[in-house]
Every structure is written in C-alpha cells, then in structure tokens.
Amino acid sequence: MIATIQPLDPVAFELGPLTVYWYGLLIGLGAFLGYLLVNHEAKKRGLPKDTFADLLLYAIPAAIIGARLYYVIFRWEHFADNPMRVFAIWEGGLAIHGGLIAAIITAIIFTRKRGLSFWKVADIAAPGILVGQAIGRWGNFMNQEVYGGEVSRSFLESLMLPEFIINQMYINGAYHHPTFLYESLWNVLGIIVLLLLRRVNLRRGEMFITYAIWYSVGRFIIEGIRTDYLLIFGFLKTAQVVSILTIIGGIILIIYRRKTGLADKRYLDDDEPSAKTGGNGKKASGKGKNTTAGKKKRK
C-alpha cells in the first residue's frame, strides 16, 4: 500500500504556457477571503471607501517579497549554487514572519500618508490576516512542506484525518505530523477569539497586538514539532525566537500604551452608529474623534 502512495499534484491547472500552482492559488484565496472580512468591518468602522483595497495593492507585493527574502536569508545554502531559484516562489519557501514585517512597515507608511490611524487599521485587519494564514497553510500542504517529526499511520488515523491528508503526510518514506494543519486550526480558533473580542471593545491597537501574541504562542509550540525550520546562529529555531520576542514585546507594548495614554480610544469608537448619529439620532461632527464620549452636534 505504501508503495502506491503518490503525493497530490502541486499544479492546479495549466492555461497554455501558464502553470497555476495550488500554493499560489491558495495563498491568493486566503488573501481574498481575508480582504472580504476586513472590508466589511472597515465600512462599519467608518474608514474611507477602498482603504483596504488600496492598501493591499502595496501590502501584498511587499509581503511576498519580504516573506521570500526572509526565507532566502536563513536558507541561503539552498540557493547559493543556483541564485535564480530565489524567484521560484511557486516551489514554496515564503516565511510568514518576513511577510508580516514587510506588510506592517507598508501599512505604517500607507496610513501616515492617508492620515489614518495605523492602530485602527491594524485592529480591523487582524482577523483577516488570520484568515489568510489559515488558508495559506494548505498551500504548504500541497507542496508537502511545513511538517513535523515522524509518526505512525495509526497515529494519523487516530486524529480522524481524511485519507488524502494522511497520504500527503507520507514524505521521504515515512509519515509525519501534519503541523500545517495544527497551525491552520490554531489560526481558525484565533479568528473566532478575535471576532468575540470585538464585542469586548478593547483599547485601540490591542486587537492587533492580541493577534500577534496569539499567533506567536501557537507558532512557538508548533515550531517545536516541525522538522523543516529556519535556524538562527545555527542552532536556534528562528520562528521560536521571533515568537518569544513578539509575545514579550506585545505585553510590554500594551502596558506602555495604557500607561502613557496612547491607548485611550477603543475599538468601537467612531463606529457607524455613533459616527453618523452621535448615538442619539442627531448627526455628530469631527472625523476621527471619539464620538461615543463627546456627541458634539454638527453646526
């Protein structure tokens, strides 16, 4: 039976000379569905129309470049003999942390030029980012990457996994932990948590910081199971180091912003009902002001 197991075809379809890989297709699908979720919330939060559509025009290319550079830097030995392989991103090799760093930098520049609050935009985007990550991990699945140590077939069957996942986890003559799936499910759970936290009305910026901490906790644990990982200093798992720094930095940032008054506004401030009607049926004035606190009438 093992001898007959064949990996899934990484090619989704071909259009003449154009070959479309599942890896890119699933990453694109994740980005699109994440955008739909984010754009719907952006309208409710009173952001200018097409804010996220415009942002993604810059953020997606930047994220892809950042994710690839991050991966190449820590895996240069794989590209040294043939540097042109750096551009073969359809083969896999996009590091999420690199993509996030590039996307955050892009968003900071974008929001400053548009006169928007970076933290407000980031808070709205947080659940959508997890949507993209959750679906994008299935692109790794199609490429048979992001897997863990060896396990038995009976172990995978005990997880009640469908046959196609079990077979795809047969790599280099052995079955492996489907760590891509663990991370995807962790991200789905994170989406639910963040959507519930919207009702809690966290202080502005804390939704995005919570996302960063949530993802980092799961990534740190799952990275300990993975066998295909990036190393720093030759022995430390890069993702675990970044995760620890993100968790500690996120907690410090929440405390600092609260103590310095940088987080006085809350997530639901300037939402659609209060921004347009002041919460009492009369229109309110002042773009970007906390209308839930003031309710100033339009002159």
Protein backbone atom coordinates (compact mmCIF):
# COMPACT_ATOMS: atom_id res chain seq x y z
CA MET A 1 0.00 0.00 0.00
CA ILE A 2 2.78 2.42 0.92
CA ALA A 3 4.47 1.80 -2.41
CA THR A 4 1.37 3.06 -4.23
CA ILE A 5 1.04 6.34 -2.27
CA GLN A 6 1.60 9.30 -4.57
CA PRO A 7 1.69 12.94 -3.47
CA LEU A 8 -1.00 15.30 -4.69
CA ASP A 9 -0.20 17.23 -7.84
CA PRO A 10 1.05 20.71 -6.82
CA VAL A 11 -0.22 22.07 -10.16
CA ALA A 12 -3.83 23.24 -10.04
CA PHE A 13 -4.24 23.75 -13.78
CA GLU A 14 -2.47 24.94 -16.90
CA LEU A 15 -3.53 27.59 -19.39
CA GLY A 16 -1.24 27.25 -22.38
CA PRO A 17 2.23 28.28 -21.21
CA LEU A 18 0.83 29.45 -17.86
CA THR A 19 1.07 26.98 -14.97
CA VAL A 20 -1.01 27.75 -11.88
CA TYR A 21 0.16 26.07 -8.69
CA TRP A 22 -2.04 25.24 -5.71
CA TYR A 23 0.48 27.02 -3.49
CA GLY A 24 -0.09 30.42 -5.08
CA LEU A 25 -3.79 29.78 -5.67
CA LEU A 26 -4.48 29.02 -2.01
CA ILE A 27 -2.42 31.95 -0.77
CA GLY A 28 -4.36 34.19 -3.14
CA LEU A 29 -7.68 32.71 -1.98
CA GLY A 30 -6.74 33.31 1.64
CA ALA A 31 -5.83 36.92 0.91
CA PHE A 32 -9.11 37.47 -0.97
CA LEU A 33 -11.34 35.98 1.75
CA GLY A 34 -9.42 37.88 4.40
CA TYR A 35 -9.99 41.07 2.43
CA LEU A 36 -13.75 40.46 2.24
CA LEU A 37 -13.95 40.05 6.01
CA VAL A 38 -11.80 43.10 6.66
CA ASN A 39 -13.51 45.33 4.11
CA HIS A 40 -16.94 44.61 5.60
CA GLU A 41 -15.72 45.64 9.05
CA ALA A 42 -13.93 48.71 7.66
CA LYS A 43 -17.23 50.07 6.35
CA LYS A 44 -18.81 49.65 9.80
CA ARG A 45 -15.87 51.38 11.45
CA GLY A 46 -16.18 54.37 9.14
CA LEU A 47 -12.95 54.07 7.17
CA PRO A 48 -12.85 55.73 3.74
CA LYS A 49 -14.08 53.56 0.89
CA ASP A 50 -11.47 51.27 -0.71
CA THR A 51 -8.97 51.86 2.09
CA PHE A 52 -8.04 48.18 2.29
CA ALA A 53 -8.26 47.64 -1.46
CA ASP A 54 -5.66 50.38 -1.90
CA LEU A 55 -3.57 49.12 0.99
CA LEU A 56 -3.46 45.57 -0.40
CA LEU A 57 -2.10 46.85 -3.72
CA TYR A 58 1.07 47.72 -1.83
CA ALA A 59 0.98 45.30 1.10
CA ILE A 60 0.59 42.03 -0.85
CA PRO A 61 3.62 42.53 -3.13
CA ALA A 62 5.63 43.81 -0.17
CA ALA A 63 4.60 40.80 1.93
CA ILE A 64 5.57 38.33 -0.80
CA ILE A 65 8.96 39.98 -1.27
CA GLY A 66 9.53 40.20 2.48
CA ALA A 67 8.48 36.59 3.04
CA ARG A 68 10.80 35.35 0.31
CA LEU A 69 13.79 37.45 1.40
CA TYR A 70 13.36 36.27 4.99
CA TYR A 71 13.33 32.64 3.86
CA VAL A 72 16.27 33.04 1.48
CA ILE A 73 18.42 34.77 4.10
CA PHE A 74 18.06 31.88 6.52
CA ARG A 75 18.27 29.19 3.83
CA TRP A 76 20.90 30.69 1.54
CA GLU A 77 22.75 27.39 1.28
CA HIS A 78 19.80 26.11 -0.79
CA PHE A 79 20.20 28.92 -3.33
CA ALA A 80 23.95 29.57 -3.40
CA ASP A 81 24.59 27.18 -6.30
CA ASN A 82 21.67 28.48 -8.35
CA PRO A 83 20.63 32.01 -7.27
CA MET A 84 17.90 32.12 -9.93
CA ARG A 85 15.89 29.71 -7.78
CA VAL A 86 15.26 32.66 -5.46
CA PHE A 87 12.50 33.71 -7.87
CA ALA A 88 10.83 30.26 -7.97
CA ILE A 89 8.32 31.05 -5.21
CA TRP A 90 5.82 28.52 -6.61
CA GLU A 91 8.08 25.83 -5.17
CA GLY A 92 7.35 27.17 -1.67
CA GLY A 93 9.62 29.00 0.71
CA LEU A 94 7.66 32.02 1.95
CA ALA A 95 8.27 32.78 5.63
CA ILE A 96 5.22 34.27 7.35
CA HIS A 97 7.26 36.39 9.74
CA GLY A 98 9.08 38.07 6.86
CA GLY A 99 5.79 38.77 5.12
CA LEU A 100 4.25 40.25 8.27
CA ILE A 101 7.22 42.53 8.91
CA ALA A 102 7.10 43.88 5.34
CA ALA A 103 3.30 44.28 5.43
CA ILE A 104 3.39 46.15 8.76
CA ILE A 105 6.04 48.57 7.50
CA THR A 106 3.97 49.13 4.36
CA ALA A 107 0.81 49.73 6.42
CA ILE A 108 2.57 52.26 8.66
CA ILE A 109 3.72 54.28 5.63
CA PHE A 110 0.32 53.94 3.93
CA THR A 111 -1.71 55.09 6.94
CA ARG A 112 0.56 58.04 7.59
CA LYS A 113 0.20 59.24 4.03
CA ARG A 114 -3.59 58.80 4.18
CA GLY A 115 -3.89 60.47 7.58
CA LEU A 116 -5.37 57.34 9.15
CA SER A 117 -4.72 55.68 12.48
CA PHE A 118 -2.38 52.75 11.94
CA TRP A 119 -3.70 51.02 15.05
CA LYS A 120 -7.30 51.34 13.92
CA VAL A 121 -6.48 49.87 10.52
CA ALA A 122 -4.37 47.12 12.10
CA ASP A 123 -7.13 46.19 14.56
CA ILE A 124 -9.65 45.82 11.77
CA ALA A 125 -7.21 43.80 9.68
CA ALA A 126 -6.21 41.32 12.41
CA PRO A 127 -8.91 38.64 11.88
CA GLY A 128 -8.46 38.90 8.11
CA ILE A 129 -4.73 38.24 8.43
CA LEU A 130 -5.50 35.03 10.30
CA VAL A 131 -7.93 34.01 7.55
CA GLY A 132 -5.15 34.37 5.00
CA GLN A 133 -2.72 32.43 7.18
CA ALA A 134 -5.19 29.63 7.91
CA ILE A 135 -5.94 29.03 4.22
CA GLY A 136 -2.40 29.71 3.06
CA ARG A 137 -1.07 26.82 5.16
CA TRP A 138 -2.93 24.46 2.84
CA GLY A 139 -0.63 25.68 0.09
CA ASN A 140 2.22 24.28 2.19
CA PHE A 141 0.25 21.06 2.43
CA MET A 142 0.07 20.77 -1.36
CA ASN A 143 3.85 21.27 -1.56
CA GLN A 144 4.49 18.75 1.24
CA GLU A 145 6.22 21.30 3.45
CA VAL A 146 5.65 22.58 6.99
CA TYR A 147 5.51 19.10 8.51
CA GLY A 148 6.70 17.63 11.80
CA GLY A 149 8.58 14.62 13.04
CA GLU A 150 7.85 11.04 12.08
CA VAL A 151 4.67 9.36 13.32
CA SER A 152 2.85 6.13 12.56
CA ARG A 153 -0.05 5.84 10.19
CA SER A 154 -2.19 4.66 13.08
CA PHE A 155 -1.44 7.93 14.90
CA LEU A 156 -2.71 9.96 11.95
CA GLU A 157 -5.78 7.75 11.68
CA SER A 158 -6.46 8.32 15.39
CA LEU A 159 -6.76 12.04 14.60
CA MET A 160 -9.73 11.19 12.35
CA LEU A 161 -7.97 12.72 9.35
CA PRO A 162 -9.25 12.06 5.85
CA GLU A 163 -7.23 9.72 3.67
CA PHE A 164 -5.89 12.44 1.37
CA ILE A 165 -4.22 14.25 4.29
CA ILE A 166 -2.75 11.04 5.69
CA ASN A 167 -1.32 10.09 2.30
CA GLN A 168 0.10 13.57 1.72
CA MET A 169 1.91 13.31 5.04
CA TYR A 170 3.87 10.34 3.71
CA ILE A 171 7.14 12.12 2.90
CA ASN A 172 10.56 10.64 2.20
CA GLY A 173 9.48 7.15 3.20
CA ALA A 174 7.71 8.00 6.47
CA TYR A 175 4.55 9.57 7.87
CA HIS A 176 4.87 12.95 9.57
CA HIS A 177 2.98 15.26 11.92
CA PRO A 178 0.64 17.49 9.85
CA THR A 179 1.91 20.66 11.52
CA PHE A 180 0.49 22.72 8.67
CA LEU A 181 -2.94 21.53 9.88
CA TYR A 182 -2.20 22.23 13.53
CA GLU A 183 -1.29 25.81 12.67
CA SER A 184 -4.24 26.25 10.33
CA LEU A 185 -6.66 25.12 13.05
CA TRP A 186 -4.94 27.34 15.63
CA ASN A 187 -5.45 30.28 13.27
CA VAL A 188 -9.14 29.41 12.78
CA LEU A 189 -9.60 29.37 16.56
CA GLY A 190 -7.80 32.72 16.68
CA ILE A 191 -10.27 34.18 14.18
CA ILE A 192 -13.15 33.20 16.47
CA VAL A 193 -11.38 34.69 19.50
CA LEU A 194 -10.73 37.99 17.74
CA LEU A 195 -14.30 38.26 16.44
CA LEU A 196 -15.56 37.76 20.00
CA LEU A 197 -13.08 40.33 21.32
CA ARG A 198 -14.61 42.94 19.01
CA ARG A 199 -17.60 42.98 21.37
CA VAL A 200 -15.34 43.45 24.39
CA ASN A 201 -14.28 46.79 22.90
CA LEU A 202 -10.56 46.56 23.62
CA ARG A 203 -8.42 49.64 23.57
CA ARG A 204 -7.26 50.68 20.14
CA GLY A 205 -4.26 48.67 18.98
CA GLU A 206 -4.85 45.80 21.37
CA MET A 207 -6.80 43.71 18.87
CA PHE A 208 -3.79 43.59 16.57
CA ILE A 209 -1.36 43.03 19.44
CA THR A 210 -3.58 40.20 20.68
CA TYR A 211 -3.42 38.68 17.21
CA ALA A 212 0.38 38.88 17.25
CA ILE A 213 0.57 37.26 20.69
CA TRP A 214 -1.99 34.57 19.83
CA TYR A 215 -0.25 33.56 16.64
CA SER A 216 3.16 33.61 18.33
CA VAL A 217 2.05 31.31 21.16
CA GLY A 218 0.76 28.73 18.69
CA ARG A 219 3.72 29.11 16.37
CA PHE A 220 6.22 28.65 19.22
CA ILE A 221 4.60 25.36 20.27
CA ILE A 222 4.08 24.00 16.76
CA GLU A 223 7.58 25.00 15.66
CA GLY A 224 8.92 22.66 18.31
CA ILE A 225 7.33 19.76 16.41
CA ARG A 226 8.42 20.80 12.92
CA THR A 227 11.44 19.31 11.21
CA ASP A 228 11.62 21.80 8.31
CA TYR A 229 12.56 25.04 10.00
CA LEU A 230 14.85 28.03 9.72
CA LEU A 231 17.77 28.46 12.12
CA ILE A 232 19.48 31.50 13.57
CA PHE A 233 23.05 31.23 14.86
CA GLY A 234 22.98 27.68 13.57
CA PHE A 235 21.04 26.16 16.45
CA LEU A 236 18.07 28.35 17.47
CA LYS A 237 14.78 28.00 15.60
CA THR A 238 14.18 31.41 14.11
CA ALA A 239 10.39 31.27 14.40
CA GLN A 240 10.59 30.41 18.10
CA VAL A 241 12.97 33.27 18.81
CA VAL A 242 10.73 35.72 16.92
CA SER A 243 7.65 34.32 18.68
CA ILE A 244 9.13 34.81 22.15
CA LEU A 245 10.21 38.36 21.31
CA THR A 246 6.74 39.10 19.89
CA ILE A 247 4.93 37.78 22.98
CA ILE A 248 7.15 39.73 25.39
CA GLY A 249 7.12 42.82 23.18
CA GLY A 250 3.34 42.67 22.77
CA ILE A 251 2.71 42.54 26.51
CA ILE A 252 5.15 45.39 27.15
CA LEU A 253 3.56 47.45 24.37
CA ILE A 254 0.05 47.02 25.81
CA ILE A 255 1.23 48.15 29.26
CA TYR A 256 3.26 51.06 27.86
CA ARG A 257 0.46 52.36 25.64
CA ARG A 258 -2.03 52.22 28.50
CA LYS A 259 0.23 54.00 30.97
CA THR A 260 1.22 56.74 28.52
CA GLY A 261 -2.32 57.41 27.32
CA LEU A 262 -1.64 56.19 23.79
CA ALA A 263 -4.46 53.67 24.06
CA ASP A 264 -7.30 55.83 25.38
CA LYS A 265 -9.52 55.23 22.35
CA ARG A 266 -11.28 51.91 21.97
CA TYR A 267 -12.01 49.60 19.08
CA LEU A 268 -15.69 50.56 18.75
CA ASP A 269 -15.05 54.29 18.94
CA ASP A 270 -16.20 56.08 15.80
CA ASP A 271 -18.29 53.10 14.75
CA GLU A 272 -21.05 53.64 12.21
CA PRO A 273 -23.97 54.38 14.54
CA SER A 274 -22.11 56.86 16.78
CA ALA A 275 -20.10 58.46 13.98
CA LYS A 276 -23.17 59.28 11.90
CA THR A 277 -25.81 59.88 14.54
CA GLY A 278 -23.87 60.51 17.74
CA GLY A 279 -25.83 57.67 19.35
CA ASN A 280 -28.89 59.91 19.88
CA GLY A 281 -30.29 60.20 16.37
CA LYS A 282 -28.56 63.51 15.63
CA LYS A 283 -25.51 63.82 13.42
CA ALA A 284 -22.15 64.30 15.08
CA SER A 285 -19.13 66.25 13.87
CA GLY A 286 -15.42 65.59 13.77
CA LYS A 287 -13.71 62.96 11.74
CA GLY A 288 -11.63 60.56 13.79
CA LYS A 289 -12.93 61.97 17.14
CA ASN A 290 -14.29 59.81 19.95
CA THR A 291 -17.97 60.45 19.28
CA THR A 292 -19.01 57.92 21.90
CA ALA A 293 -17.60 60.29 24.52
CA GLY A 294 -18.50 63.70 23.11
CA LYS A 295 -21.61 63.55 20.89
CA LYS A 296 -20.98 67.06 19.53
CA LYS A 297 -23.70 68.25 17.17
CA ARG A 298 -22.93 69.31 13.62
CA LYS A 299 -23.27 73.08 13.25
